[in-house]
N, C-alpha and C. Protein backbone atom coordinates (compact mmCIF):
# COMPACT_ATOMS: atom_id res chain seq x y z
N MET A 1 142.31 96.25 82.54
CA MET A 1 141.43 95.65 82.01
C MET A 1 140.66 94.47 83.40
N PHE A 2 141.58 94.43 84.50
CA PHE A 2 141.07 93.81 85.40
C PHE A 2 139.91 94.45 86.31
N LEU A 3 140.66 95.93 86.09
CA LEU A 3 139.86 97.35 87.10
C LEU A 3 138.37 97.44 86.25
N ASN A 4 138.37 96.98 84.75
CA ASN A 4 137.13 97.39 84.21
C ASN A 4 136.38 96.43 84.61
N PHE A 5 136.65 94.93 84.62
CA PHE A 5 135.91 94.23 85.13
C PHE A 5 135.64 94.31 86.43
N PHE A 6 135.85 94.39 87.07
CA PHE A 6 135.69 94.91 88.57
C PHE A 6 134.41 95.91 88.63
N LYS A 7 134.64 97.17 87.92
CA LYS A 7 133.84 98.15 87.82
C LYS A 7 132.45 97.18 87.24
N ASN A 8 132.31 96.95 86.58
CA ASN A 8 131.50 96.33 85.79
C ASN A 8 130.39 95.25 86.66
N PHE A 9 131.46 94.43 87.48
CA PHE A 9 130.71 93.48 88.47
C PHE A 9 130.12 94.02 89.50
N SER A 10 130.82 95.36 89.97
CA SER A 10 130.58 96.13 90.98
C SER A 10 129.39 96.75 90.58
N ALA A 11 128.94 97.29 89.37
CA ALA A 11 127.83 98.07 88.79
C ALA A 11 126.64 96.74 88.60
N LYS A 12 126.81 95.74 88.21
CA LYS A 12 125.83 95.11 88.22
C LYS A 12 125.21 94.37 88.92
N ARG A 13 126.05 94.25 90.33
CA ARG A 13 125.26 93.60 91.71
C ARG A 13 124.69 94.67 92.03
N THR A 14 125.00 96.27 91.94
CA THR A 14 124.15 97.21 92.53
C THR A 14 122.82 97.23 91.93
N LEU A 15 122.87 97.03 90.52
CA LEU A 15 121.48 96.66 89.78
C LEU A 15 120.78 95.78 90.34
N LYS A 16 121.77 94.30 90.74
CA LYS A 16 120.58 93.24 90.94
C LYS A 16 119.81 93.58 92.50
N ASN A 17 121.01 93.98 92.95
CA ASN A 17 120.69 94.24 94.64
C ASN A 17 119.49 95.38 94.86
N SER A 18 119.39 96.20 93.84
CA SER A 18 118.39 97.44 94.17
C SER A 18 116.85 97.52 93.62
N SER A 19 116.79 95.91 93.43
CA SER A 19 115.52 95.73 92.90
C SER A 19 115.30 96.33 91.38
N LEU A 20 115.80 95.41 90.20
CA LEU A 20 115.59 96.16 89.37
C LEU A 20 114.66 96.83 88.70
N HIS A 21 113.35 96.44 89.09
CA HIS A 21 112.11 96.56 88.29
C HIS A 21 112.18 97.82 88.01
N VAL A 22 111.01 97.88 86.98
CA VAL A 22 110.51 99.25 86.62
C VAL A 22 109.82 99.69 87.46
N LYS A 23 109.82 101.28 88.19
CA LYS A 23 109.06 101.74 89.17
C LYS A 23 107.89 102.50 88.85
N GLY A 24 106.92 101.48 89.53
CA GLY A 24 105.08 102.17 89.20
C GLY A 24 104.92 101.66 87.82
N ASN A 25 103.48 102.11 87.58
CA ASN A 25 103.09 102.02 86.22
C ASN A 25 103.45 103.33 85.40
N PRO A 26 103.29 103.30 84.31
CA PRO A 26 103.45 104.67 83.29
C PRO A 26 102.51 105.51 83.63
N SER A 27 102.55 106.61 83.19
CA SER A 27 101.48 107.88 83.39
C SER A 27 100.71 107.83 82.15
N ASP A 28 99.24 107.98 82.37
CA ASP A 28 98.51 108.02 81.37
C ASP A 28 98.56 109.52 80.61
N GLU A 29 99.67 110.39 80.73
CA GLU A 29 99.70 111.54 80.07
C GLU A 29 100.21 111.51 78.76
N THR A 30 99.91 112.35 78.04
CA THR A 30 100.56 112.22 76.28
C THR A 30 102.14 112.51 76.47
N ILE A 31 102.91 111.82 75.36
CA ILE A 31 104.39 112.54 75.50
C ILE A 31 104.76 113.55 75.03
N LYS A 32 105.33 114.48 75.94
CA LYS A 32 106.12 115.66 75.31
C LYS A 32 107.68 115.98 74.97
N THR A 33 107.96 115.72 76.54
CA THR A 33 109.48 115.78 76.49
C THR A 33 110.18 114.21 76.34
N VAL A 34 111.49 114.55 75.73
CA VAL A 34 111.77 113.03 75.67
C VAL A 34 113.75 113.16 75.48
N GLY A 35 113.77 112.20 76.38
CA GLY A 35 115.30 111.83 76.90
C GLY A 35 115.86 110.45 76.04
N LEU A 36 117.18 111.10 75.36
CA LEU A 36 117.46 110.24 74.21
C LEU A 36 119.01 109.62 74.87
N LEU A 37 118.73 108.11 75.60
CA LEU A 37 119.98 107.93 75.63
C LEU A 37 120.69 106.81 74.95
N ILE A 38 121.88 107.18 74.43
CA ILE A 38 122.82 106.51 72.80
C ILE A 38 123.62 106.21 73.17
N ASP A 39 123.82 104.39 72.69
CA ASP A 39 125.54 104.09 72.80
C ASP A 39 126.10 104.81 71.36
N LYS A 40 126.73 105.72 71.62
CA LYS A 40 127.36 106.02 70.55
C LYS A 40 128.67 104.98 69.93
N THR A 41 129.17 104.49 70.92
CA THR A 41 130.16 102.92 70.40
C THR A 41 129.73 102.45 68.96
N TYR A 42 128.69 101.99 69.07
CA TYR A 42 127.92 101.35 68.17
C TYR A 42 127.07 101.63 67.11
N PHE A 43 126.42 102.75 67.44
CA PHE A 43 125.36 103.57 66.99
C PHE A 43 125.91 104.79 66.53
N GLU A 44 126.27 105.48 64.82
CA GLU A 44 126.72 106.76 64.91
C GLU A 44 125.64 107.51 63.85
N ASP A 45 124.73 106.93 63.98
CA ASP A 45 123.39 108.00 62.81
C ASP A 45 122.29 108.32 64.09
N LYS A 46 122.91 109.08 64.81
CA LYS A 46 121.64 109.72 65.70
C LYS A 46 120.95 111.19 65.14
N VAL A 47 121.70 111.34 64.27
CA VAL A 47 121.30 112.88 63.55
C VAL A 47 119.83 112.14 62.82
N ASN A 48 120.14 111.00 61.88
CA ASN A 48 118.81 110.24 61.35
C ASN A 48 117.66 110.31 62.32
N LEU A 49 118.20 109.24 63.80
CA LEU A 49 116.91 108.75 64.47
C LEU A 49 116.17 110.42 65.23
N ILE A 50 117.21 111.16 65.49
CA ILE A 50 116.29 112.49 65.82
C ILE A 50 115.44 112.92 65.02
N GLU A 51 115.84 113.29 63.62
CA GLU A 51 114.96 113.41 62.15
C GLU A 51 113.89 112.55 62.44
N GLU A 52 113.91 111.31 62.82
CA GLU A 52 112.72 110.41 62.71
C GLU A 52 111.96 110.62 63.95
N LEU A 53 111.82 111.13 64.92
CA LEU A 53 111.23 111.34 66.21
C LEU A 53 110.93 112.77 65.78
N LEU A 54 111.50 113.68 64.85
CA LEU A 54 110.83 115.25 64.98
C LEU A 54 109.90 114.88 63.76
N ALA A 55 110.31 113.84 62.59
CA ALA A 55 109.04 113.52 61.85
C ALA A 55 108.05 113.18 62.13
N ASN A 56 107.92 112.51 63.28
CA ASN A 56 106.61 111.94 64.34
C ASN A 56 105.57 113.06 65.11
N GLY A 57 106.48 114.03 65.41
CA GLY A 57 105.86 115.02 65.98
C GLY A 57 106.47 115.34 67.51
N ILE A 58 107.57 114.94 67.70
CA ILE A 58 108.46 115.58 68.77
C ILE A 58 109.04 116.87 68.65
N LYS A 59 108.76 117.56 69.26
CA LYS A 59 109.86 119.09 68.80
C LYS A 59 111.17 118.57 69.49
N ARG A 60 112.10 119.72 68.45
CA ARG A 60 113.37 119.78 68.66
C ARG A 60 113.79 120.27 70.39
N GLU A 61 113.51 120.53 70.68
CA GLU A 61 113.12 121.95 71.84
C GLU A 61 112.67 120.76 73.20
N ASN A 62 112.44 119.93 72.87
CA ASN A 62 111.66 118.52 73.76
C ASN A 62 112.52 117.57 73.98
N ILE A 63 113.71 117.04 73.23
CA ILE A 63 114.41 116.22 73.33
C ILE A 63 115.79 116.65 73.98
N GLN A 64 116.11 115.56 74.63
CA GLN A 64 117.84 116.33 75.18
C GLN A 64 118.54 114.88 75.09
N ILE A 65 119.49 114.69 74.58
CA ILE A 65 120.29 113.68 74.32
C ILE A 65 121.41 113.50 75.27
N LEU A 66 121.71 112.29 75.76
CA LEU A 66 123.14 111.95 76.39
C LEU A 66 123.80 110.44 75.72
N LEU A 67 124.75 110.92 75.32
CA LEU A 67 125.60 109.94 74.39
C LEU A 67 126.60 109.10 75.45
N TYR A 68 126.74 108.11 75.38
CA TYR A 68 127.91 107.02 75.52
C TYR A 68 128.73 106.53 74.60
N LYS A 69 129.76 106.33 75.20
CA LYS A 69 130.99 105.65 74.28
C LYS A 69 132.12 105.11 75.49
N ASP A 70 132.37 103.93 75.04
CA ASP A 70 133.69 103.43 75.89
C ASP A 70 134.78 103.90 76.14
N ARG A 71 135.02 104.42 74.98
CA ARG A 71 136.32 105.30 75.30
C ARG A 71 136.45 106.88 74.28
N PHE A 72 136.66 107.91 74.66
CA PHE A 72 137.01 108.83 74.25
C PHE A 72 138.46 108.87 73.77
N LYS A 73 138.46 109.67 72.57
CA LYS A 73 140.01 109.65 72.06
C LYS A 73 140.32 111.69 72.71
N LYS A 74 141.54 111.64 72.88
CA LYS A 74 141.56 112.70 73.50
C LYS A 74 141.12 114.23 72.72
N LYS A 75 141.38 114.18 71.45
CA LYS A 75 141.20 115.56 70.80
C LYS A 75 139.65 115.30 70.57
N GLU A 76 139.12 114.14 70.59
CA GLU A 76 137.61 113.79 69.75
C GLU A 76 136.74 115.08 70.22
N THR A 77 136.25 115.99 70.07
CA THR A 77 134.96 116.81 70.05
C THR A 77 133.42 115.98 69.94
N VAL A 78 132.59 116.19 70.97
CA VAL A 78 131.03 115.77 71.15
C VAL A 78 130.33 116.96 71.18
N ASN A 79 129.33 116.87 70.46
CA ASN A 79 128.20 118.30 70.20
C ASN A 79 127.11 117.84 71.19
N TYR A 80 127.22 117.05 72.09
CA TYR A 80 126.21 116.50 73.07
C TYR A 80 126.69 116.24 74.39
N PRO A 81 125.65 116.25 75.35
CA PRO A 81 126.40 115.78 76.49
C PRO A 81 126.76 114.49 76.54
N SER A 82 128.02 114.12 77.14
CA SER A 82 128.53 112.32 76.80
C SER A 82 128.73 112.04 78.34
N PHE A 83 128.90 110.49 78.19
CA PHE A 83 129.65 110.13 79.78
C PHE A 83 130.53 108.97 79.05
N SER A 84 131.52 108.33 79.52
CA SER A 84 131.89 107.16 79.03
C SER A 84 132.29 105.98 80.43
N HIS A 85 132.85 105.12 80.01
CA HIS A 85 132.91 104.01 80.97
C HIS A 85 133.61 104.31 82.00
N LYS A 86 134.64 105.42 82.01
CA LYS A 86 135.51 105.89 83.02
C LYS A 86 134.94 106.65 84.11
N ASP A 87 133.76 107.08 83.72
CA ASP A 87 133.00 107.52 84.99
C ASP A 87 131.95 106.85 85.54
N LEU A 88 132.41 105.47 85.50
CA LEU A 88 131.97 104.38 86.69
C LEU A 88 132.82 104.61 87.67
N SER A 89 132.46 104.16 88.59
CA SER A 89 133.23 104.36 90.37
C SER A 89 132.84 102.75 90.69
N TRP A 90 134.00 102.35 91.44
CA TRP A 90 133.85 101.39 91.97
C TRP A 90 132.30 100.76 92.71
N LYS A 91 132.08 101.88 93.14
CA LYS A 91 130.12 101.89 93.74
C LYS A 91 129.45 101.28 92.99
N GLY A 92 130.28 101.33 91.82
CA GLY A 92 128.84 100.77 90.60
C GLY A 92 127.77 102.01 90.86
N THR A 93 128.47 103.38 90.62
CA THR A 93 127.57 104.81 90.10
C THR A 93 128.20 105.20 89.06
N LEU A 94 127.58 106.56 88.65
CA LEU A 94 128.31 107.14 87.68
C LEU A 94 128.63 108.32 88.08
N ASP A 95 129.82 108.88 88.09
CA ASP A 95 130.26 110.21 88.77
C ASP A 95 130.40 110.79 87.78
N ASN A 96 128.85 111.58 87.18
CA ASN A 96 129.50 112.48 85.95
C ASN A 96 128.05 113.25 85.92
N LYS A 97 128.50 114.85 85.77
CA LYS A 97 127.53 115.89 85.83
C LYS A 97 126.41 115.65 84.72
N ASN A 98 127.00 115.07 83.64
CA ASN A 98 126.53 115.08 82.72
C ASN A 98 125.02 114.34 82.53
N VAL A 99 125.62 113.14 83.14
CA VAL A 99 124.61 112.24 83.62
C VAL A 99 123.58 112.48 84.97
N LYS A 100 124.14 113.09 86.27
CA LYS A 100 123.16 113.37 86.98
C LYS A 100 122.28 114.54 86.44
N GLU A 101 122.01 115.34 85.81
CA GLU A 101 121.30 116.40 85.38
C GLU A 101 120.24 115.42 84.48
N PHE A 102 120.96 114.28 84.20
CA PHE A 102 120.26 113.64 82.40
C PHE A 102 118.96 112.51 83.82
N THR A 103 119.53 111.84 84.44
CA THR A 103 118.10 111.51 85.27
C THR A 103 118.30 112.18 86.31
N ASP A 104 118.30 113.59 86.87
CA ASP A 104 117.18 113.87 87.53
C ASP A 104 116.29 114.48 86.66
N LYS A 105 116.08 114.53 85.56
CA LYS A 105 114.97 115.26 84.76
C LYS A 105 113.98 114.43 84.48
N GLU A 106 112.71 114.86 84.73
CA GLU A 106 111.66 113.92 84.36
C GLU A 106 110.85 114.35 83.29
N PHE A 107 111.36 113.19 82.18
CA PHE A 107 111.11 112.82 81.02
C PHE A 107 109.33 112.35 80.67
N ASP A 108 108.70 112.84 80.13
CA ASP A 108 107.79 111.81 79.59
C ASP A 108 108.06 110.43 79.42
N MET A 109 108.92 110.50 78.61
CA MET A 109 109.23 109.37 77.73
C MET A 109 111.24 109.19 77.84
N LEU A 110 111.76 108.03 77.98
CA LEU A 110 113.47 107.86 77.94
C LEU A 110 113.24 106.47 76.94
N ILE A 111 114.05 106.94 75.93
CA ILE A 111 114.28 105.99 74.96
C ILE A 111 115.81 105.89 75.15
N SER A 112 116.05 104.08 75.31
CA SER A 112 117.27 103.75 75.97
C SER A 112 117.73 102.95 74.59
N TYR A 113 118.68 103.62 73.96
CA TYR A 113 118.82 103.28 72.70
C TYR A 113 120.48 102.80 72.68
N TYR A 114 120.36 101.73 73.16
CA TYR A 114 121.37 100.33 73.07
C TYR A 114 120.88 99.43 73.24
N ASP A 115 121.94 98.46 72.20
CA ASP A 115 120.89 96.94 72.38
C ASP A 115 122.03 96.03 73.01
N THR A 116 122.93 96.30 73.82
CA THR A 116 124.17 95.36 74.41
C THR A 116 124.01 96.20 75.73
N GLU A 117 123.93 95.33 76.34
CA GLU A 117 124.21 95.61 77.89
C GLU A 117 125.55 95.58 78.44
N LYS A 118 125.26 97.06 78.74
CA LYS A 118 126.55 97.55 79.30
C LYS A 118 126.31 98.16 80.39
N ALA A 119 127.07 98.14 81.81
CA ALA A 119 126.67 98.47 83.26
C ALA A 119 126.17 99.76 83.08
N PRO A 120 127.17 101.07 82.38
CA PRO A 120 126.83 102.84 82.63
C PRO A 120 125.44 102.90 81.69
N LEU A 121 125.01 102.27 81.49
CA LEU A 121 124.12 102.53 80.39
C LEU A 121 122.71 102.06 80.86
N MET A 122 123.00 100.70 81.64
CA MET A 122 121.82 100.33 82.26
C MET A 122 121.61 101.22 83.87
N ILE A 123 122.60 101.18 84.54
CA ILE A 123 122.55 102.19 86.05
C ILE A 123 122.28 103.57 85.21
N THR A 124 122.18 104.14 83.91
CA THR A 124 121.74 105.12 83.67
C THR A 124 120.26 105.50 83.05
N THR A 125 119.80 104.09 82.64
CA THR A 125 118.28 104.03 82.63
C THR A 125 117.36 103.69 84.16
N PHE A 126 118.03 103.03 84.58
CA PHE A 126 117.61 102.54 86.03
C PHE A 126 117.26 103.75 86.96
N LYS A 127 118.58 104.70 86.92
CA LYS A 127 118.26 105.92 87.87
C LYS A 127 117.24 107.07 87.33
N SER A 128 116.98 106.87 86.07
CA SER A 128 116.41 107.77 85.18
C SER A 128 114.83 108.02 85.88
N LYS A 129 114.08 109.14 86.18
CA LYS A 129 112.99 109.52 86.59
C LYS A 129 112.36 109.94 85.70
N ALA A 130 112.44 108.80 84.16
CA ALA A 130 111.41 109.28 83.20
C ALA A 130 109.97 108.68 83.53
N ASN A 131 108.97 108.85 83.34
CA ASN A 131 107.86 108.30 83.48
C ASN A 131 107.33 107.05 82.49
N PHE A 132 108.21 107.00 81.57
CA PHE A 132 107.61 105.99 80.36
C PHE A 132 109.30 105.57 79.89
N LYS A 133 109.48 104.23 80.01
CA LYS A 133 110.53 103.55 79.07
C LYS A 133 110.76 102.83 78.56
N VAL A 134 111.74 102.97 77.24
CA VAL A 134 111.45 102.40 76.45
C VAL A 134 112.39 102.00 75.92
N GLY A 135 112.97 100.43 75.23
CA GLY A 135 114.11 100.04 74.91
C GLY A 135 114.45 99.24 73.95
N PHE A 136 115.10 98.34 73.48
CA PHE A 136 115.38 96.91 73.06
C PHE A 136 114.90 96.01 73.63
N SER A 137 114.50 94.90 72.75
CA SER A 137 114.28 93.79 73.97
C SER A 137 115.34 93.09 74.60
N THR A 138 116.37 93.39 73.67
CA THR A 138 117.83 92.47 74.00
C THR A 138 118.50 92.67 75.29
N ILE A 139 117.81 93.62 75.93
CA ILE A 139 118.30 94.30 77.32
C ILE A 139 117.08 93.93 78.28
N ASP A 140 118.22 93.77 79.77
CA ASP A 140 117.28 93.16 81.31
C ASP A 140 115.67 93.55 80.92
N LYS A 141 114.62 92.86 80.65
CA LYS A 141 113.14 93.44 80.81
C LYS A 141 112.76 94.10 81.87
N ARG A 142 113.31 94.13 82.84
CA ARG A 142 112.58 94.87 84.05
C ARG A 142 113.39 96.23 84.11
N LEU A 143 114.03 96.64 82.91
CA LEU A 143 114.65 98.42 83.09
C LEU A 143 113.44 99.11 82.58
N ASN A 144 112.78 98.39 81.39
CA ASN A 144 111.96 99.18 80.68
C ASN A 144 110.20 98.90 80.69
N HIS A 145 109.22 99.85 80.38
CA HIS A 145 108.09 99.70 80.31
C HIS A 145 107.70 98.92 78.85
N PHE A 146 108.47 99.31 77.92
CA PHE A 146 108.25 99.03 76.88
C PHE A 146 109.23 98.09 75.87
N MET A 147 109.11 97.30 75.40
CA MET A 147 110.52 96.91 74.33
C MET A 147 110.00 96.54 72.97
N ILE A 148 111.50 96.78 71.87
CA ILE A 148 111.02 96.38 70.97
C ILE A 148 111.79 95.74 70.33
N ASN A 149 111.57 94.68 69.67
CA ASN A 149 112.55 93.59 68.73
C ASN A 149 113.05 94.16 67.83
N THR A 150 114.04 94.56 67.67
CA THR A 150 114.79 94.85 66.43
C THR A 150 116.29 94.98 66.96
N ASN A 151 116.98 95.88 65.84
CA ASN A 151 118.26 96.20 66.26
C ASN A 151 118.90 97.52 66.59
N ALA A 152 119.49 98.14 67.08
CA ALA A 152 119.87 99.22 66.83
C ALA A 152 120.29 99.80 65.35
N GLU A 153 120.67 99.52 64.22
CA GLU A 153 121.46 99.89 63.11
C GLU A 153 119.72 100.16 62.38
N ASN A 154 118.51 99.62 62.83
CA ASN A 154 117.17 99.57 62.20
C ASN A 154 116.51 100.80 62.69
N TYR A 155 117.01 101.84 62.88
CA TYR A 155 116.46 103.08 63.78
C TYR A 155 114.59 103.21 63.28
N LYS A 156 114.87 103.36 61.73
CA LYS A 156 113.45 103.77 60.95
C LYS A 156 112.40 102.81 61.72
N VAL A 157 112.59 101.43 61.48
CA VAL A 157 112.02 100.14 61.91
C VAL A 157 111.19 100.49 63.49
N PHE A 158 112.26 101.29 64.57
CA PHE A 158 112.27 101.21 65.90
C PHE A 158 111.25 101.89 65.76
N VAL A 159 111.65 103.29 65.41
CA VAL A 159 110.95 104.46 65.26
C VAL A 159 109.56 104.18 65.16
N PHE A 160 109.25 103.73 64.39
CA PHE A 160 107.95 103.26 63.35
C PHE A 160 107.33 102.57 63.86
N GLU A 161 107.83 101.36 64.95
CA GLU A 161 107.12 100.45 66.09
C GLU A 161 107.16 101.45 67.36
N LEU A 162 107.75 102.46 67.54
CA LEU A 162 107.40 102.91 68.70
C LEU A 162 106.36 103.62 68.70
N PHE A 163 105.77 104.60 67.52
CA PHE A 163 105.10 105.50 67.09
C PHE A 163 103.75 104.87 66.91
N LYS A 164 103.46 103.68 66.64
CA LYS A 164 102.40 102.97 66.19
C LYS A 164 101.90 102.66 67.72
N TYR A 165 102.81 101.88 68.55
CA TYR A 165 102.44 101.42 69.97
C TYR A 165 102.08 102.85 70.82
N LEU A 166 102.69 103.95 70.46
CA LEU A 166 102.46 104.77 71.50
C LEU A 166 101.05 105.32 70.75
N LYS A 167 100.57 105.28 69.69
CA LYS A 167 99.36 105.91 69.32
C LYS A 167 98.01 104.67 70.18
N ILE A 168 98.50 103.32 69.87
CA ILE A 168 97.58 102.57 70.76
C ILE A 168 97.36 102.94 71.56
N LEU A 169 98.22 102.89 72.58
CA LEU A 169 97.97 103.32 74.15
C LEU A 169 98.08 105.06 74.42
N ASN A 170 97.31 105.52 73.32
CA ASN A 170 97.06 107.06 73.70
C ASN A 170 98.18 108.00 74.21
N LYS A 171 99.24 107.86 73.98
CA LYS A 171 100.86 108.43 74.56
C LYS A 171 100.56 109.53 73.77
N ILE A 172 100.47 109.81 72.32
CA ILE A 172 100.69 110.79 71.68
C ILE A 172 99.18 111.40 70.79
């Protein structure tokens, strides 16, 4: 318990000291590739979220998913690349091959689909090389270019608002 607190403290300090601001202006290019970072601890409806993205014109092969869960059970199987709190190091970095591959890929848009601040998720969002980052308004404002004011359970509202503003911004 104390060790997890220390890891979280170290990670949040790392974020604070690394000038947490979103890097640069988002590009004017249209959105083709999407990275989807989901907190599976509280949101289990990922299939319907993906279906909503597909219904709005994003191709399935252009969506890459990374799941986070606080703790995985020993015999639990996951169909997507994933990571957990145990991958958080003492230095505030994530030591996981899936996270490294996800953050190194240059997505046109990253959807940070979590509405509670958790150090591993925030670090992953910050380290991502995505050109345009989208998330919830309850998360630190400096992490994303665009924030939507709803909660994670309302995935239909989130996707509707997202695509409404992407059209206004000429991103799709």
